Amino acid sequence: MNKIVIIGISFLILLQGANIHFKDLVELGQLIEHYQFHNEEYGDDFMVFVSKHYGELKAEHSEKHQEEQKEHEKLPFQHQSHCSQPHVFVLGADNFINSYSEIPLVVKGIFHYQFSYSLVWGDGPFQPPKHA
């Protein structure tokens, strides 16, 4: 069951990436019927049919055949959507590969430990010894 769900979701993502809606899949029958009409009536092959409805000849075909306008509106892939997600890349003068870190990688210095003994806690059992 999990595999079926995963395959279904993957297929949905693939269709959405190609901008194909579920409504387009339902209207594929209309596309086939309209292609058969064009094949019988005008003798168009599939590439000419696609050009008349989706390509270069679309404006000319729409002007000449106004009576088919309602059928043309029922064809799939007629929706228009625009993706307005601008991708902005800012490249500065400095290369990211050659950039240097603010923190030095090798630190040379003299460190010493200063014993700070205070009588804040008093003379309790957890105080360090006073004489060695």
N, C-alpha and C. Protein backbone atom coordinates (compact mmCIF):
# COMPACT_ATOMS: atom_id res chain seq x y z
N MET A 1 0.82 -1.19 0.00
CA MET A 1 0.00 0.00 0.00
C MET A 1 0.87 1.27 0.00
N ASN A 2 1.96 1.20 0.76
CA ASN A 2 2.86 2.36 0.82
C ASN A 2 3.47 2.66 -0.53
N LYS A 3 3.82 1.60 -1.27
CA LYS A 3 4.43 1.80 -2.58
C LYS A 3 3.45 2.46 -3.55
N ILE A 4 2.19 2.10 -3.46
CA ILE A 4 1.18 2.71 -4.33
C ILE A 4 1.03 4.19 -4.02
N VAL A 5 1.02 4.53 -2.75
CA VAL A 5 0.90 5.94 -2.35
C VAL A 5 2.14 6.72 -2.81
N ILE A 6 3.31 6.13 -2.64
CA ILE A 6 4.55 6.81 -3.04
C ILE A 6 4.59 7.01 -4.55
N ILE A 7 4.18 5.99 -5.30
CA ILE A 7 4.16 6.11 -6.76
C ILE A 7 3.14 7.17 -7.18
N GLY A 8 1.98 7.20 -6.53
CA GLY A 8 0.96 8.20 -6.84
C GLY A 8 1.44 9.62 -6.58
N ILE A 9 2.08 9.84 -5.45
CA ILE A 9 2.59 11.17 -5.11
C ILE A 9 3.71 11.56 -6.06
N SER A 10 4.57 10.62 -6.41
CA SER A 10 5.65 10.91 -7.36
C SER A 10 5.09 11.28 -8.73
N PHE A 11 4.06 10.57 -9.16
CA PHE A 11 3.42 10.87 -10.44
C PHE A 11 2.77 12.26 -10.40
N LEU A 12 2.15 12.60 -9.27
CA LEU A 12 1.53 13.91 -9.12
C LEU A 12 2.57 15.02 -9.18
N ILE A 13 3.70 14.83 -8.52
CA ILE A 13 4.77 15.83 -8.56
C ILE A 13 5.33 15.96 -9.97
N LEU A 14 5.46 14.85 -10.68
CA LEU A 14 5.93 14.89 -12.07
C LEU A 14 4.96 15.67 -12.95
N LEU A 15 3.67 15.43 -12.80
CA LEU A 15 2.68 16.15 -13.61
C LEU A 15 2.65 17.63 -13.27
N GLN A 16 2.75 17.96 -12.00
CA GLN A 16 2.74 19.37 -11.62
C GLN A 16 4.00 20.07 -12.10
N GLY A 17 5.11 19.37 -12.13
CA GLY A 17 6.34 19.95 -12.64
C GLY A 17 6.25 20.24 -14.12
N ALA A 18 5.50 19.43 -14.85
CA ALA A 18 5.30 19.65 -16.29
C ALA A 18 4.09 20.54 -16.56
N ASN A 19 3.47 21.08 -15.51
CA ASN A 19 2.30 21.97 -15.59
C ASN A 19 1.12 21.28 -16.26
N ILE A 20 0.90 20.02 -15.91
CA ILE A 20 -0.25 19.26 -16.40
C ILE A 20 -1.20 19.09 -15.23
N HIS A 21 -2.44 19.54 -15.41
CA HIS A 21 -3.43 19.46 -14.35
C HIS A 21 -4.27 18.20 -14.53
N PHE A 22 -4.97 17.82 -13.49
CA PHE A 22 -5.85 16.66 -13.56
C PHE A 22 -6.96 16.89 -14.59
N LYS A 23 -7.42 18.13 -14.71
CA LYS A 23 -8.45 18.47 -15.68
C LYS A 23 -7.97 18.18 -17.11
N ASP A 24 -6.68 18.39 -17.35
CA ASP A 24 -6.13 18.10 -18.67
C ASP A 24 -6.20 16.61 -18.99
N LEU A 25 -5.96 15.78 -18.00
CA LEU A 25 -6.03 14.34 -18.21
C LEU A 25 -7.46 13.90 -18.50
N VAL A 26 -8.42 14.54 -17.85
CA VAL A 26 -9.83 14.21 -18.09
C VAL A 26 -10.25 14.64 -19.50
N GLU A 27 -9.70 15.74 -19.99
CA GLU A 27 -10.09 16.28 -21.29
C GLU A 27 -9.33 15.66 -22.47
N LEU A 28 -8.51 14.66 -22.23
CA LEU A 28 -7.78 14.01 -23.33
C LEU A 28 -8.73 13.36 -24.33
N GLY A 29 -9.90 12.90 -23.87
CA GLY A 29 -10.91 12.34 -24.77
C GLY A 29 -11.40 13.38 -25.78
N GLN A 30 -11.59 14.62 -25.31
CA GLN A 30 -12.00 15.71 -26.20
C GLN A 30 -10.92 15.97 -27.25
N LEU A 31 -9.67 15.89 -26.85
CA LEU A 31 -8.56 16.09 -27.78
C LEU A 31 -8.57 15.03 -28.88
N ILE A 32 -8.79 13.78 -28.51
CA ILE A 32 -8.81 12.70 -29.50
C ILE A 32 -9.99 12.85 -30.45
N GLU A 33 -11.16 13.18 -29.90
CA GLU A 33 -12.34 13.38 -30.76
C GLU A 33 -12.14 14.54 -31.72
N HIS A 34 -11.57 15.64 -31.24
CA HIS A 34 -11.37 16.81 -32.11
C HIS A 34 -10.29 16.51 -33.16
N TYR A 35 -9.28 15.72 -32.80
CA TYR A 35 -8.27 15.32 -33.78
C TYR A 35 -8.90 14.45 -34.88
N GLN A 36 -9.75 13.52 -34.48
CA GLN A 36 -10.41 12.68 -35.49
C GLN A 36 -11.28 13.52 -36.41
N PHE A 37 -11.96 14.54 -35.86
CA PHE A 37 -12.76 15.45 -36.68
C PHE A 37 -11.87 16.17 -37.70
N HIS A 38 -10.74 16.68 -37.26
CA HIS A 38 -9.82 17.39 -38.16
C HIS A 38 -9.23 16.44 -39.20
N ASN A 39 -8.96 15.21 -38.80
CA ASN A 39 -8.39 14.24 -39.72
C ASN A 39 -9.39 13.90 -40.83
N GLU A 40 -10.66 13.73 -40.48
CA GLU A 40 -11.69 13.40 -41.48
C GLU A 40 -12.09 14.62 -42.31
N GLU A 41 -12.25 15.77 -41.64
CA GLU A 41 -12.76 16.97 -42.32
C GLU A 41 -11.70 17.67 -43.16
N TYR A 42 -10.52 17.87 -42.61
CA TYR A 42 -9.48 18.65 -43.29
C TYR A 42 -8.29 17.81 -43.75
N GLY A 43 -8.20 16.55 -43.32
CA GLY A 43 -7.08 15.71 -43.70
C GLY A 43 -5.79 16.06 -42.97
N ASP A 44 -5.90 16.63 -41.78
CA ASP A 44 -4.73 17.05 -41.01
C ASP A 44 -4.10 15.84 -40.32
N ASP A 45 -2.78 15.79 -40.34
CA ASP A 45 -2.10 14.81 -39.51
C ASP A 45 -1.94 15.39 -38.10
N PHE A 46 -1.36 14.62 -37.19
CA PHE A 46 -1.33 15.04 -35.80
C PHE A 46 -0.48 16.29 -35.59
N MET A 47 0.64 16.41 -36.29
CA MET A 47 1.51 17.56 -36.11
C MET A 47 0.85 18.85 -36.61
N VAL A 48 0.11 18.77 -37.71
CA VAL A 48 -0.61 19.95 -38.20
C VAL A 48 -1.73 20.31 -37.23
N PHE A 49 -2.40 19.28 -36.69
CA PHE A 49 -3.45 19.51 -35.70
C PHE A 49 -2.90 20.22 -34.46
N VAL A 50 -1.76 19.76 -33.98
CA VAL A 50 -1.14 20.40 -32.80
C VAL A 50 -0.74 21.83 -33.13
N SER A 51 -0.21 22.06 -34.32
CA SER A 51 0.19 23.40 -34.72
C SER A 51 -1.01 24.33 -34.83
N LYS A 52 -2.15 23.80 -35.29
CA LYS A 52 -3.36 24.63 -35.43
C LYS A 52 -3.97 24.98 -34.08
N HIS A 53 -3.78 24.15 -33.07
CA HIS A 53 -4.44 24.39 -31.79
C HIS A 53 -3.51 24.87 -30.69
N TYR A 54 -2.21 24.61 -30.86
CA TYR A 54 -1.28 24.99 -29.81
C TYR A 54 -0.05 25.73 -30.33
N GLY A 55 0.13 25.81 -31.63
CA GLY A 55 1.36 26.36 -32.16
C GLY A 55 1.19 27.57 -33.05
N GLU A 56 1.96 27.61 -34.14
CA GLU A 56 2.05 28.77 -35.02
C GLU A 56 0.75 29.08 -35.75
N LEU A 57 0.00 28.05 -36.10
CA LEU A 57 -1.22 28.26 -36.89
C LEU A 57 -2.46 28.49 -36.03
N LYS A 58 -2.31 28.68 -34.74
CA LYS A 58 -3.46 28.81 -33.84
C LYS A 58 -4.29 30.06 -34.15
N ALA A 59 -3.65 31.21 -34.34
CA ALA A 59 -4.39 32.46 -34.60
C ALA A 59 -5.14 32.37 -35.92
N GLU A 60 -4.48 31.85 -36.94
CA GLU A 60 -5.11 31.72 -38.26
C GLU A 60 -6.28 30.75 -38.21
N HIS A 61 -6.13 29.64 -37.53
CA HIS A 61 -7.20 28.65 -37.42
C HIS A 61 -8.39 29.19 -36.63
N SER A 62 -8.11 29.97 -35.58
CA SER A 62 -9.20 30.55 -34.78
C SER A 62 -9.99 31.58 -35.58
N GLU A 63 -9.32 32.34 -36.44
CA GLU A 63 -10.03 33.34 -37.27
C GLU A 63 -10.91 32.67 -38.33
N LYS A 64 -10.40 31.63 -38.96
CA LYS A 64 -11.14 30.98 -40.05
C LYS A 64 -12.29 30.12 -39.55
N HIS A 65 -12.17 29.54 -38.40
CA HIS A 65 -13.16 28.58 -37.91
C HIS A 65 -13.74 29.03 -36.57
N GLN A 66 -14.55 30.08 -36.61
CA GLN A 66 -15.20 30.60 -35.40
C GLN A 66 -16.26 29.63 -34.88
N GLU A 67 -16.84 28.81 -35.75
CA GLU A 67 -17.89 27.87 -35.32
C GLU A 67 -17.35 26.77 -34.40
N GLU A 68 -16.04 26.54 -34.44
CA GLU A 68 -15.43 25.51 -33.59
C GLU A 68 -14.90 26.07 -32.27
N GLN A 69 -15.18 27.32 -31.99
CA GLN A 69 -14.60 27.98 -30.82
C GLN A 69 -14.99 27.28 -29.51
N LYS A 70 -16.25 26.83 -29.40
CA LYS A 70 -16.67 26.15 -28.17
C LYS A 70 -15.94 24.82 -27.99
N GLU A 71 -15.70 24.13 -29.10
CA GLU A 71 -14.95 22.88 -29.02
C GLU A 71 -13.49 23.14 -28.67
N HIS A 72 -12.94 24.25 -29.15
CA HIS A 72 -11.55 24.58 -28.85
C HIS A 72 -11.37 24.91 -27.37
N GLU A 73 -12.37 25.48 -26.75
CA GLU A 73 -12.27 25.81 -25.33
C GLU A 73 -12.30 24.56 -24.45
N LYS A 74 -12.84 23.46 -24.97
CA LYS A 74 -12.91 22.21 -24.21
C LYS A 74 -11.64 21.38 -24.32
N LEU A 75 -10.71 21.79 -25.19
CA LEU A 75 -9.47 21.03 -25.36
C LEU A 75 -8.57 21.20 -24.15
N PRO A 76 -7.77 20.17 -23.85
CA PRO A 76 -6.85 20.29 -22.69
C PRO A 76 -5.67 21.20 -23.00
N PHE A 77 -4.94 21.52 -21.99
CA PHE A 77 -3.72 22.33 -22.05
C PHE A 77 -4.01 23.75 -22.55
N GLN A 78 -5.17 24.29 -22.27
CA GLN A 78 -5.51 25.65 -22.68
C GLN A 78 -5.30 26.66 -21.56
N HIS A 79 -4.99 26.21 -20.37
CA HIS A 79 -4.80 27.12 -19.25
C HIS A 79 -3.47 27.84 -19.39
N GLN A 80 -3.45 29.03 -18.88
CA GLN A 80 -2.22 29.82 -18.90
C GLN A 80 -1.84 30.14 -17.47
N SER A 81 -0.68 29.75 -17.10
CA SER A 81 -0.19 30.08 -15.76
C SER A 81 1.24 30.57 -15.90
N HIS A 82 1.54 31.53 -15.10
CA HIS A 82 2.87 32.12 -15.14
C HIS A 82 3.54 31.90 -13.80
N CYS A 83 4.73 31.46 -13.85
CA CYS A 83 5.50 31.25 -12.65
C CYS A 83 6.32 32.51 -12.39
N SER A 84 6.06 33.14 -11.29
CA SER A 84 6.78 34.37 -10.98
C SER A 84 7.64 34.16 -9.74
N GLN A 85 8.60 33.32 -9.89
CA GLN A 85 9.55 33.08 -8.81
C GLN A 85 10.93 33.44 -9.32
N PRO A 86 11.30 34.69 -9.17
CA PRO A 86 12.61 35.08 -9.70
C PRO A 86 13.74 34.46 -8.87
N HIS A 87 14.73 34.02 -9.57
CA HIS A 87 15.91 33.47 -8.91
C HIS A 87 17.00 34.54 -8.97
N VAL A 88 17.49 34.91 -7.82
CA VAL A 88 18.48 35.98 -7.75
C VAL A 88 19.78 35.39 -7.24
N PHE A 89 20.83 35.59 -8.00
CA PHE A 89 22.15 35.18 -7.59
C PHE A 89 23.02 36.43 -7.50
N VAL A 90 23.63 36.64 -6.37
CA VAL A 90 24.49 37.80 -6.19
C VAL A 90 25.91 37.29 -6.09
N LEU A 91 26.72 37.71 -7.03
CA LEU A 91 28.12 37.33 -7.01
C LEU A 91 28.94 38.56 -6.69
N GLY A 92 29.65 38.50 -5.61
CA GLY A 92 30.47 39.63 -5.22
C GLY A 92 31.86 39.52 -5.80
N ALA A 93 32.69 40.45 -5.42
CA ALA A 93 34.07 40.46 -5.91
C ALA A 93 34.86 39.31 -5.30
N ASP A 94 34.52 38.94 -4.06
CA ASP A 94 35.23 37.84 -3.41
C ASP A 94 34.62 36.51 -3.83
N ASN A 95 35.47 35.59 -4.06
CA ASN A 95 35.02 34.24 -4.38
C ASN A 95 34.72 33.52 -3.08
N PHE A 96 33.68 32.70 -3.07
CA PHE A 96 33.37 31.97 -1.86
C PHE A 96 34.39 30.87 -1.59
N ILE A 97 34.99 30.36 -2.64
CA ILE A 97 35.96 29.29 -2.46
C ILE A 97 37.23 29.83 -1.83
N ASN A 98 37.64 31.02 -2.21
CA ASN A 98 38.88 31.59 -1.70
C ASN A 98 38.67 32.46 -0.47
N SER A 99 37.49 32.45 0.11
CA SER A 99 37.24 33.31 1.26
C SER A 99 37.94 32.72 2.49
N TYR A 100 38.32 33.60 3.37
CA TYR A 100 39.03 33.19 4.57
C TYR A 100 38.11 33.36 5.77
N SER A 101 38.33 32.53 6.73
CA SER A 101 37.52 32.57 7.94
C SER A 101 37.99 33.72 8.82
N GLU A 102 37.07 34.25 9.61
CA GLU A 102 37.40 35.30 10.56
C GLU A 102 38.18 34.73 11.75
N ILE A 103 37.98 33.46 12.03
CA ILE A 103 38.64 32.83 13.17
C ILE A 103 39.95 32.23 12.67
N PRO A 104 41.06 32.59 13.27
CA PRO A 104 42.33 32.03 12.80
C PRO A 104 42.37 30.53 13.09
N LEU A 105 42.88 29.78 12.13
CA LEU A 105 42.93 28.34 12.29
C LEU A 105 44.06 27.90 13.22
N VAL A 106 45.21 28.57 13.17
CA VAL A 106 46.34 28.24 14.04
C VAL A 106 46.54 29.42 14.99
N VAL A 107 46.41 29.15 16.25
CA VAL A 107 46.56 30.20 17.26
C VAL A 107 47.83 29.92 18.04
N LYS A 108 48.74 30.86 17.99
CA LYS A 108 49.96 30.75 18.77
C LYS A 108 49.89 31.76 19.90
N GLY A 109 50.10 31.31 21.07
CA GLY A 109 50.04 32.21 22.19
C GLY A 109 50.62 31.55 23.43
N ILE A 110 50.80 32.34 24.45
CA ILE A 110 51.31 31.83 25.70
C ILE A 110 50.14 31.82 26.68
N PHE A 111 49.88 30.65 27.18
CA PHE A 111 48.78 30.52 28.13
C PHE A 111 49.35 30.08 29.46
N HIS A 112 48.78 30.57 30.50
CA HIS A 112 49.17 30.16 31.83
C HIS A 112 47.92 30.05 32.68
N TYR A 113 48.06 29.25 33.70
CA TYR A 113 46.96 29.05 34.62
C TYR A 113 47.24 29.83 35.88
N GLN A 114 46.29 30.67 36.22
CA GLN A 114 46.43 31.44 37.44
C GLN A 114 45.48 30.85 38.46
N PHE A 115 46.08 30.39 39.55
CA PHE A 115 45.28 29.78 40.60
C PHE A 115 44.52 30.87 41.34
N SER A 116 43.20 30.76 41.31
CA SER A 116 42.41 31.77 42.00
C SER A 116 41.66 31.09 43.13
N TYR A 117 42.24 31.20 44.31
CA TYR A 117 41.63 30.61 45.48
C TYR A 117 41.01 31.72 46.30
N SER A 118 39.74 31.56 46.56
CA SER A 118 39.10 32.58 47.37
C SER A 118 38.42 31.92 48.55
N LEU A 119 38.14 32.72 49.53
CA LEU A 119 37.50 32.22 50.74
C LEU A 119 36.00 32.43 50.70
N VAL A 120 35.43 32.39 49.51
CA VAL A 120 33.99 32.60 49.40
C VAL A 120 33.24 31.46 50.05
N TRP A 121 33.74 30.25 49.88
CA TRP A 121 33.04 29.09 50.41
C TRP A 121 33.44 28.77 51.84
N GLY A 122 34.40 29.44 52.32
CA GLY A 122 34.84 29.18 53.70
C GLY A 122 35.76 27.98 53.77
N ASP A 123 35.93 27.46 54.96
CA ASP A 123 36.82 26.31 55.16
C ASP A 123 35.99 25.03 55.20
N GLY A 124 35.40 24.68 54.12
CA GLY A 124 34.58 23.47 54.06
C GLY A 124 35.40 22.26 53.68
N PRO A 125 34.78 21.11 53.62
CA PRO A 125 35.51 19.87 53.30
C PRO A 125 35.92 19.78 51.82
N PHE A 126 35.35 20.57 50.96
CA PHE A 126 35.66 20.47 49.52
C PHE A 126 36.66 21.52 49.06
N GLN A 127 37.47 22.06 49.95
CA GLN A 127 38.49 23.04 49.62
C GLN A 127 39.78 22.31 49.29
N PRO A 128 40.58 22.88 48.37
CA PRO A 128 41.85 22.24 48.07
C PRO A 128 42.82 22.32 49.27
N PRO A 129 43.75 21.41 49.30
CA PRO A 129 44.69 21.44 50.44
C PRO A 129 45.55 22.70 50.42
N LYS A 130 45.89 23.20 51.58
CA LYS A 130 46.66 24.42 51.67
C LYS A 130 48.15 24.13 51.68
N HIS A 131 48.55 22.97 52.11
CA HIS A 131 49.96 22.59 52.15
C HIS A 131 50.11 21.25 51.47
N ALA A 132 51.13 21.15 50.72
CA ALA A 132 51.34 19.87 50.04
C ALA A 132 52.33 19.03 50.77
